[in-house]
Protein backbone atom coordinates (compact mmCIF):
# COMPACT_ATOMS: atom_id res chain seq x y z
CA MET A 1 -1.59 1.49 29.62
CA LYS A 2 -0.17 0.58 26.21
CA LYS A 3 3.07 2.15 24.97
CA ILE A 4 2.69 3.54 21.51
CA LEU A 5 5.35 5.06 19.24
CA LEU A 6 4.11 7.83 16.96
CA LEU A 7 6.32 8.19 13.89
CA ALA A 8 5.83 11.30 11.77
CA THR A 9 6.66 11.49 8.06
CA GLY A 10 4.93 14.75 7.07
CA GLY A 11 1.87 14.98 4.87
CA THR A 12 -1.20 17.17 4.98
CA ILE A 13 -1.85 16.27 8.61
CA ALA A 14 1.32 18.13 9.61
CA SER A 15 1.13 20.93 7.00
CA LEU A 16 1.18 24.70 7.48
CA GLU A 17 0.49 27.51 5.06
CA GLY A 18 3.67 28.38 3.12
CA LYS A 19 4.39 30.93 0.43
CA ASP A 20 3.81 28.30 -2.29
CA GLY A 21 0.92 26.49 -0.63
CA LEU A 22 0.59 23.90 2.12
CA VAL A 23 3.87 22.29 3.22
CA PRO A 24 4.62 19.84 6.07
CA GLY A 25 6.02 21.64 9.06
CA LEU A 26 4.56 20.47 12.38
CA ALA A 27 6.65 18.30 14.72
CA PRO A 28 4.97 15.06 15.96
CA ILE A 29 4.66 16.39 19.51
CA GLU A 30 2.64 19.27 18.10
CA LEU A 31 0.36 16.80 16.35
CA LEU A 32 -0.19 15.05 19.66
CA ASN A 33 -0.93 18.32 21.46
CA TYR A 34 -3.93 18.86 19.15
CA SER A 35 -5.19 15.40 20.00
CA GLN A 36 -6.13 15.72 23.67
CA ASN A 37 -8.03 12.39 23.93
CA ALA A 38 -5.18 10.37 22.46
CA SER A 39 -2.83 10.80 25.39
CA LEU A 40 -5.52 9.46 27.74
CA SER A 41 -5.71 6.04 26.06
CA ALA A 42 -2.01 5.33 25.74
CA ASP A 43 1.50 6.38 26.72
CA VAL A 44 2.57 7.92 23.40
CA THR A 45 6.15 8.72 22.48
CA CYS A 46 6.82 10.84 19.38
CA GLU A 47 9.61 10.69 16.81
CA ILE A 48 10.07 12.31 13.42
CA ILE A 49 11.43 10.22 10.56
CA MET A 50 10.99 12.83 7.82
CA ASN A 51 8.79 15.79 7.07
CA ARG A 52 7.75 15.58 3.41
CA ASP A 53 4.77 15.77 1.17
CA SER A 54 3.92 12.17 0.33
CA THR A 55 4.09 13.00 -3.37
CA ASN A 56 7.86 13.05 -2.76
CA MET A 57 7.84 9.66 -0.99
CA GLN A 58 10.21 7.09 -2.56
CA PRO A 59 10.85 3.38 -1.94
CA GLU A 60 13.99 4.23 0.04
CA HIS A 61 11.83 6.08 2.53
CA TRP A 62 9.72 2.96 3.18
CA VAL A 63 12.96 1.23 4.20
CA GLU A 64 13.62 4.02 6.73
CA MET A 65 10.23 3.44 8.30
CA VAL A 66 10.79 -0.31 8.46
CA TYR A 67 14.15 0.00 10.12
CA LYS A 68 12.79 2.48 12.68
CA ILE A 69 9.96 0.10 13.62
CA ALA A 70 12.33 -2.84 13.83
CA GLU A 71 14.72 -0.83 16.04
CA LYS A 72 11.92 0.07 18.47
CA TYR A 73 9.85 -3.09 18.11
CA ASP A 74 10.53 -4.57 21.55
CA GLN A 75 10.00 -1.27 23.34
CA TYR A 76 6.42 -0.55 22.29
CA ASP A 77 3.04 -2.28 22.03
CA GLY A 78 2.01 -0.58 18.83
CA PHE A 79 3.01 1.96 16.22
CA VAL A 80 1.31 4.88 14.45
CA ILE A 81 2.75 6.45 11.27
CA THR A 82 1.37 9.80 10.19
CA HIS A 83 1.65 10.16 6.45
CA GLY A 84 0.38 12.14 3.46
CA THR A 85 -2.64 10.62 1.80
CA ASP A 86 -1.53 10.67 -1.83
CA THR A 87 0.88 7.71 -1.53
CA LEU A 88 -0.33 6.33 1.77
CA GLY A 89 -1.72 3.17 0.10
CA TYR A 90 1.67 2.41 -1.43
CA THR A 91 3.40 2.85 1.90
CA SER A 92 0.96 0.68 3.83
CA SER A 93 1.31 -2.06 1.18
CA ALA A 94 5.11 -1.85 1.14
CA LEU A 95 5.29 -2.12 4.91
CA SER A 96 3.01 -5.13 4.80
CA TYR A 97 5.59 -6.98 2.70
CA MET A 98 8.70 -5.77 4.38
CA LEU A 99 7.51 -6.38 7.95
CA GLN A 100 6.70 -10.11 8.13
CA GLY A 101 5.46 -11.83 11.27
CA LEU A 102 4.06 -8.72 13.02
CA SER A 103 2.44 -9.50 16.35
CA LYS A 104 1.74 -5.82 17.00
CA PRO A 105 -0.28 -3.26 15.05
CA VAL A 106 1.44 -0.83 12.72
CA VAL A 107 -1.20 1.83 11.90
CA VAL A 108 -0.85 4.32 9.05
CA THR A 109 -3.05 7.42 9.06
CA GLY A 110 -3.21 10.96 7.78
CA SER A 111 -5.84 13.56 6.96
CA GLN A 112 -7.45 15.57 4.18
CA VAL A 113 -7.14 18.83 6.11
CA PRO A 114 -4.19 19.95 8.27
CA ILE A 115 -4.58 19.36 12.01
CA SER A 116 -4.11 23.09 12.72
CA PHE A 117 -7.16 24.06 10.67
CA LYS A 118 -10.52 24.68 12.35
CA LYS A 119 -12.46 22.11 10.37
CA THR A 120 -10.12 19.12 10.21
CA ASP A 121 -10.40 15.35 10.12
CA ALA A 122 -6.90 14.98 11.51
CA ILE A 123 -7.74 14.92 15.21
CA LYS A 124 -10.28 12.11 14.74
CA ASN A 125 -7.95 10.09 12.52
CA LEU A 126 -5.04 10.45 14.92
CA ASN A 127 -7.17 9.53 17.94
CA ASP A 128 -8.61 6.51 16.09
CA ALA A 129 -5.17 5.41 14.97
CA ILE A 130 -3.75 5.50 18.47
CA CYS A 131 -6.88 3.70 19.68
CA PHE A 132 -6.34 0.85 17.20
CA ALA A 133 -2.64 0.72 17.88
CA CYS A 134 -3.57 -0.38 21.41
CA GLU A 135 -5.43 -3.44 20.10
CA ASN A 136 -4.00 -6.96 20.50
CA VAL A 137 -3.65 -7.62 16.75
CA GLY A 138 -0.72 -7.86 14.46
CA GLY A 139 -0.14 -6.49 10.95
CA VAL A 140 -0.19 -3.24 9.02
CA TYR A 141 -3.47 -1.26 8.89
CA VAL A 142 -4.81 2.00 7.56
CA VAL A 143 -7.15 3.88 9.85
CA PHE A 144 -9.12 6.72 8.26
CA ASP A 145 -12.51 8.24 8.88
CA GLY A 146 -13.28 5.67 11.57
CA ARG A 147 -12.61 2.68 9.33
CA VAL A 148 -9.83 0.10 9.66
CA ILE A 149 -8.39 -1.41 6.45
CA ILE A 150 -5.67 -3.99 6.10
CA GLY A 151 -2.55 -2.41 4.63
CA THR A 152 -2.63 -4.13 1.24
CA ARG A 153 -6.23 -3.18 0.43
CA ALA A 154 -6.41 0.54 1.09
CA VAL A 155 -7.03 2.75 -1.95
CA LYS A 156 -7.50 6.54 -1.97
CA MET A 157 -10.74 7.18 -3.83
CA ARG A 158 -11.43 10.87 -3.09
CA THR A 159 -9.29 13.99 -3.08
CA LYS A 160 -11.29 16.16 -0.68
CA SER A 161 -13.87 14.15 1.25
CA PHE A 162 -13.01 12.86 4.70
CA ASP A 163 -13.91 9.30 3.69
CA ALA A 164 -11.00 9.30 1.30
CA PHE A 165 -10.00 5.64 1.56
CA GLU A 166 -11.89 2.48 0.84
CA SER A 167 -11.08 -1.21 1.27
CA ILE A 168 -11.04 -2.69 -2.22
CA ASN A 169 -12.01 -6.36 -2.77
CA HIS A 170 -11.80 -7.09 0.97
CA PRO A 171 -14.02 -6.47 4.02
CA TYR A 172 -13.17 -3.65 6.41
CA VAL A 173 -11.50 -4.89 9.57
CA ALA A 174 -13.31 -2.71 12.02
CA GLN A 175 -15.04 0.55 12.79
CA ILE A 176 -13.90 3.00 15.47
CA LYS A 177 -16.28 5.34 17.22
CA ASP A 178 -15.75 7.16 20.47
CA ASN A 179 -12.54 5.24 21.15
CA LYS A 180 -14.40 1.91 20.81
CA VAL A 181 -13.33 -0.65 18.20
CA THR A 182 -16.08 -2.79 16.69
CA TYR A 183 -14.69 -5.63 14.57
CA TYR A 184 -16.28 -6.92 11.40
CA TRP A 185 -13.73 -9.74 11.47
CA LYS A 186 -10.81 -10.31 13.80
CA PRO A 187 -7.31 -10.74 12.26
CA LYS A 188 -5.72 -14.03 13.19
CA PRO A 189 -2.98 -13.73 15.86
CA THR A 190 0.52 -14.57 14.81
CA PHE A 191 3.10 -16.37 16.93
CA GLU A 192 5.95 -15.74 14.58
CA SER A 193 8.97 -13.54 15.25
CA LEU A 194 9.36 -10.26 13.39
CA LYS A 195 11.25 -10.68 10.14
CA VAL A 196 12.47 -7.64 8.30
CA ASP A 197 12.85 -8.08 4.56
CA VAL A 198 13.70 -4.79 2.82
CA SER A 199 14.81 -6.28 -0.48
CA LEU A 200 13.39 -3.89 -3.03
CA CYS A 201 13.94 -3.27 -6.74
CA PRO A 202 12.19 -0.03 -7.69
CA ASP A 203 12.61 -0.65 -11.44
CA VAL A 204 8.89 -1.14 -12.00
CA PHE A 205 6.69 0.66 -14.52
CA VAL A 206 2.87 0.85 -14.81
CA LEU A 207 1.43 1.19 -18.33
CA THR A 208 -2.25 1.95 -18.64
CA LEU A 209 -3.64 0.84 -22.00
CA HIS A 210 -5.90 3.00 -24.13
CA PRO A 211 -7.14 2.52 -27.72
CA GLY A 212 -4.19 3.56 -29.87
CA THR A 213 -1.37 2.44 -27.54
CA LYS A 214 1.70 1.90 -29.66
CA PRO A 215 3.58 -1.40 -29.29
CA GLU A 216 6.84 0.53 -29.77
CA ILE A 217 6.42 1.96 -26.27
CA PHE A 218 7.88 -1.29 -24.94
CA ASN A 219 11.14 -0.59 -26.82
CA CYS A 220 11.63 2.45 -24.57
CA LEU A 221 10.75 0.47 -21.39
CA LYS A 222 12.81 -2.65 -22.05
CA GLY A 223 16.20 -1.26 -20.97
CA LEU A 224 14.89 0.75 -18.06
CA TYR A 225 12.70 -1.59 -16.09
CA LYS A 226 12.82 -5.14 -14.74
CA GLY A 227 9.07 -5.31 -14.14
CA ILE A 228 6.22 -3.92 -16.27
CA ILE A 229 2.64 -3.82 -15.08
CA ILE A 230 0.08 -3.55 -17.92
CA GLU A 231 -3.25 -2.18 -16.78
CA SER A 232 -5.40 -3.77 -19.47
CA TYR A 233 -9.13 -3.62 -20.10
CA GLY A 234 -11.90 -5.49 -18.26
CA ASN A 235 -10.86 -9.00 -17.28
CA GLY A 236 -7.40 -8.56 -18.75
CA GLY A 237 -7.80 -8.10 -22.48
CA VAL A 238 -4.80 -7.06 -24.55
CA PRO A 239 -5.22 -6.00 -28.20
CA PHE A 240 -3.92 -8.48 -30.79
CA GLU A 241 -5.24 -7.06 -34.05
CA GLU A 242 -4.33 -3.51 -35.13
CA ARG A 243 -1.36 -2.31 -33.01
CA SER A 244 -1.04 -5.78 -31.53
CA LEU A 245 0.93 -5.75 -28.26
CA LEU A 246 1.50 -9.51 -28.18
CA PRO A 247 4.84 -9.69 -30.05
CA LYS A 248 6.39 -7.08 -27.75
CA ILE A 249 5.01 -8.79 -24.60
CA LYS A 250 6.51 -12.06 -25.85
CA GLU A 251 9.81 -10.30 -26.46
CA LEU A 252 9.83 -8.85 -22.93
CA THR A 253 9.13 -12.15 -21.20
CA GLU A 254 11.75 -13.93 -23.26
CA ALA A 255 14.20 -11.22 -22.13
CA GLY A 256 13.54 -12.11 -18.49
CA ILE A 257 11.41 -9.04 -17.74
CA ALA A 258 8.49 -9.65 -15.35
CA VAL A 259 5.27 -8.69 -17.13
CA LEU A 260 2.14 -8.52 -15.04
CA ILE A 261 -1.35 -8.16 -16.57
CA SER A 262 -3.73 -6.20 -14.35
CA THR A 263 -7.02 -4.48 -15.04
CA GLN A 264 -8.13 -0.86 -15.00
CA CYS A 265 -11.30 -1.94 -13.22
CA LEU A 266 -10.86 -1.29 -9.54
CA GLU A 267 -13.16 -3.98 -8.24
CA GLU A 268 -13.60 -7.77 -8.68
CA GLY A 269 -10.27 -8.49 -10.30
CA GLY A 270 -9.33 -9.84 -13.71
CA ASP A 271 -9.56 -13.24 -15.43
CA LEU A 272 -7.23 -13.74 -18.38
CA PHE A 273 -8.82 -17.03 -19.32
CA LEU A 274 -12.35 -15.76 -19.92
CA TYR A 275 -11.97 -14.08 -23.31
CA GLU A 276 -9.84 -14.72 -26.39
CA VAL A 277 -8.12 -11.35 -25.86
CA GLY A 278 -6.95 -12.62 -22.50
CA ARG A 279 -6.07 -16.18 -23.44
CA LYS A 280 -3.81 -15.07 -26.26
CA VAL A 281 -1.56 -13.14 -23.89
CA SER A 282 -1.75 -15.84 -21.16
CA GLN A 283 0.27 -18.17 -23.41
CA TYR A 284 3.36 -16.19 -22.48
CA ASN A 285 4.92 -16.37 -19.06
CA VAL A 286 2.99 -13.40 -17.72
CA ILE A 287 1.93 -12.77 -14.15
CA VAL A 288 -1.76 -12.40 -13.29
CA SER A 289 -2.92 -9.89 -10.72
CA GLY A 290 -6.14 -11.52 -9.47
CA ASP A 291 -7.95 -8.94 -7.35
CA MET A 292 -4.97 -7.07 -6.04
CA ASN A 293 -5.07 -3.27 -6.29
CA LYS A 294 -2.41 -1.18 -7.99
CA GLU A 295 -0.75 -0.06 -4.78
CA ALA A 296 -0.24 -3.63 -3.68
CA ILE A 297 0.84 -4.82 -7.14
CA VAL A 298 3.50 -2.13 -7.51
CA THR A 299 5.08 -2.57 -4.10
CA LYS A 300 4.81 -6.37 -4.18
CA LEU A 301 6.52 -6.53 -7.58
CA MET A 302 9.28 -4.30 -6.32
CA TRP A 303 9.68 -6.56 -3.29
CA ALA A 304 9.55 -9.77 -5.38
CA LEU A 305 12.14 -8.46 -7.84
CA GLY A 306 14.33 -7.52 -4.96
CA LYS A 307 14.25 -11.11 -3.77
CA SER A 308 14.85 -12.83 -7.12
CA GLU A 309 15.66 -12.15 -10.77
CA ASP A 310 14.18 -15.48 -11.81
CA ILE A 311 10.92 -14.65 -13.54
CA HIS A 312 9.37 -17.98 -12.45
CA GLU A 313 10.12 -17.26 -8.77
CA VAL A 314 8.81 -13.72 -9.12
CA LYS A 315 5.62 -15.08 -10.68
CA ALA A 316 5.17 -17.55 -7.83
CA ILE A 317 5.59 -14.78 -5.23
CA MET A 318 3.19 -12.43 -7.00
CA GLU A 319 0.48 -15.07 -7.37
CA THR A 320 0.61 -16.12 -3.73
CA SER A 321 -1.56 -14.27 -1.19
CA ILE A 322 0.59 -12.30 1.24
CA ALA A 323 -0.78 -10.07 4.00
CA GLY A 324 -4.28 -10.54 2.61
CA ASP A 325 -3.47 -8.83 -0.72
CA LEU A 326 -5.00 -11.56 -2.92
CA SER A 327 -8.22 -13.45 -2.38
CA VAL A 328 -7.77 -17.22 -2.12
CA GLU A 329 -9.79 -17.96 -5.21
CA TRP A 330 -7.27 -15.99 -7.28
CA GLY A 331 -4.06 -17.48 -5.95
CA GLN A 332 -2.25 -19.62 -3.48
CA ASP A 333 -2.84 -18.69 0.15
CA ASP A 334 0.05 -17.77 2.39
């Protein structure tokens, strides 16, 4: 019987009715009590790290989770983190970067409806998460609605439906049904030792372009952030005629600020070199996102900036595939 550590952080799954709406309140052992099948498949120990709505989750809280897993790593075969869904994708990505060399599964899950409600997806998700935490695989995964997604590719697509998360630009790892795991592809085993790297610089800003975006916005951002992610159009186009953003982007890069050009399109990634509107901005020392999703880009840039202030080193880290976040055709493989 596998030994699993259940770490609770709050979220909808643990929420109760409060005077101002749903608020996290259930202890992890109470979560487990609702999940009768889970205790049959594993020896589950429960601990609470925090009890918060994931909207209030901050980078410092990711570090708390990492340190708890590292502290208990040798005592358990797998880990389950219960979490609110709104920032779950950011947390799973952040853990994927900060926990290197995992030879055991770290599974993040949550629910759209509290576990104490009559019609809830929480019991299934918790059972499935514990089931997958017993597998002989390493890495960070999101388990939701019977689907297993690697931690850097999970994106919340729906606010109410049980199938809230999808794997973007990457195949699902597996499906779970009736406590049985069916793999679509099997993650490669690792023989490395666990390495904890919690270097984080949270000074990252995401700017989504729209027709009419003023170049002067970058004057406000320049002194506040060390990394700026520009969600551009299509394959990575940035306007260079009326309200041209190019002079300000040049100014930022010359000031040593990491500028990453992403796309507002969720699938298939961007290609700065396809159109003139992309090639003109690519002449500066900007970082390209490939087919990474926003959750991975944000957390990876925080992690990269925490490791180095050299914009060339940060660019090299960002454009290298780590924990499956970037398809090989877009960047260097790790």
